[in-house]
Amino acid sequence: MQSAPTISNIIRLFNQLTPSEKIKVAARINKDTFEEQWKAFDLELPDAPFTEDEVLKEVMSVRYGKK
C-alpha cells in the first residue's frame, strides 16, 4: 500500500514542472478549491444589509464619480 503524498513532495514535484505546466496546475487547483476559498472569504466579510436606495446611491457615485 502506498502512503499519501506529503505537501513537501507535491511542492517538489510542482517545482519540476515547466512554467506553462505550473500555470495549468495552478488553474486546476484554483478551480477545484474556489468554493472553499469563497466560503473562507465570505466569513471575513461583515454581514450588513443594504437598502435599495443605498445600493443605487453607490452605483450612481461609481458611474458618475460623485459621492
Protein backbone atom coordinates (compact mmCIF):
# COMPACT_ATOMS: atom_id res chain seq x y z
CA MET A 1 0.00 0.00 0.00
CA GLN A 2 1.29 3.43 -0.98
CA SER A 3 1.35 6.23 1.57
CA ALA A 4 -0.38 9.52 0.87
CA PRO A 5 1.80 12.19 -0.71
CA THR A 6 3.02 14.94 1.57
CA ILE A 7 2.74 18.62 0.80
CA SER A 8 6.51 18.89 0.55
CA ASN A 9 6.57 16.04 -2.01
CA ILE A 10 3.84 17.72 -4.04
CA ILE A 11 5.72 21.04 -3.97
CA ARG A 12 8.93 19.28 -5.00
CA LEU A 13 7.14 17.71 -7.99
CA PHE A 14 5.42 21.00 -8.82
CA ASN A 15 8.78 22.77 -8.92
CA GLN A 16 9.95 20.29 -11.57
CA LEU A 17 7.21 21.36 -13.98
CA THR A 18 7.65 23.84 -16.81
CA PRO A 19 6.19 27.32 -16.30
CA SER A 20 3.24 26.54 -18.60
CA GLU A 21 2.56 23.28 -16.73
CA LYS A 22 2.67 25.18 -13.44
CA ILE A 23 0.05 27.60 -14.76
CA LYS A 24 -2.21 24.69 -15.73
CA VAL A 25 -1.82 23.06 -12.31
CA ALA A 26 -2.43 26.35 -10.51
CA ALA A 27 -5.57 26.96 -12.58
CA ARG A 28 -6.84 23.47 -11.76
CA ILE A 29 -6.16 23.93 -8.04
CA ASN A 30 -7.94 27.28 -8.12
CA LYS A 31 -10.93 25.73 -9.91
CA ASP A 32 -11.08 22.79 -7.50
CA THR A 33 -10.79 24.94 -4.37
CA PHE A 34 -12.81 28.00 -5.40
CA GLU A 35 -15.85 27.12 -3.31
CA GLU A 36 -13.80 26.60 -0.14
CA GLN A 37 -11.84 29.81 -0.78
CA TRP A 38 -15.08 31.73 -1.31
CA LYS A 39 -16.59 30.39 1.94
CA ALA A 40 -13.48 31.40 3.91
CA PHE A 41 -13.51 34.87 2.33
CA ASP A 42 -17.24 35.26 2.93
CA LEU A 43 -16.76 34.53 6.64
CA GLU A 44 -14.38 37.52 6.84
CA LEU A 45 -16.88 39.95 5.33
CA PRO A 46 -19.33 41.79 7.54
CA ASP A 47 -23.00 40.92 7.15
CA ALA A 48 -24.52 44.35 6.63
CA PRO A 49 -27.89 44.73 4.99
CA PHE A 50 -28.20 47.42 2.33
CA THR A 51 -31.32 49.25 1.27
CA GLU A 52 -32.15 49.68 -2.40
CA ASP A 53 -31.54 53.41 -2.03
CA GLU A 54 -28.04 52.80 -0.62
CA VAL A 55 -27.19 50.46 -3.49
CA LEU A 56 -28.47 52.93 -6.10
CA LYS A 57 -26.56 55.78 -4.47
CA GLU A 58 -23.34 53.75 -4.59
CA VAL A 59 -23.91 52.73 -8.21
CA MET A 60 -24.54 56.33 -9.20
CA SER A 61 -21.43 57.53 -7.34
CA VAL A 62 -19.29 54.99 -9.16
CA ARG A 63 -20.89 55.63 -12.51
CA TYR A 64 -20.69 59.42 -12.30
CA GLY A 65 -17.74 59.82 -9.92
CA LYS A 66 -19.78 61.54 -7.22
CA LYS A 67 -20.20 60.76 -3.55
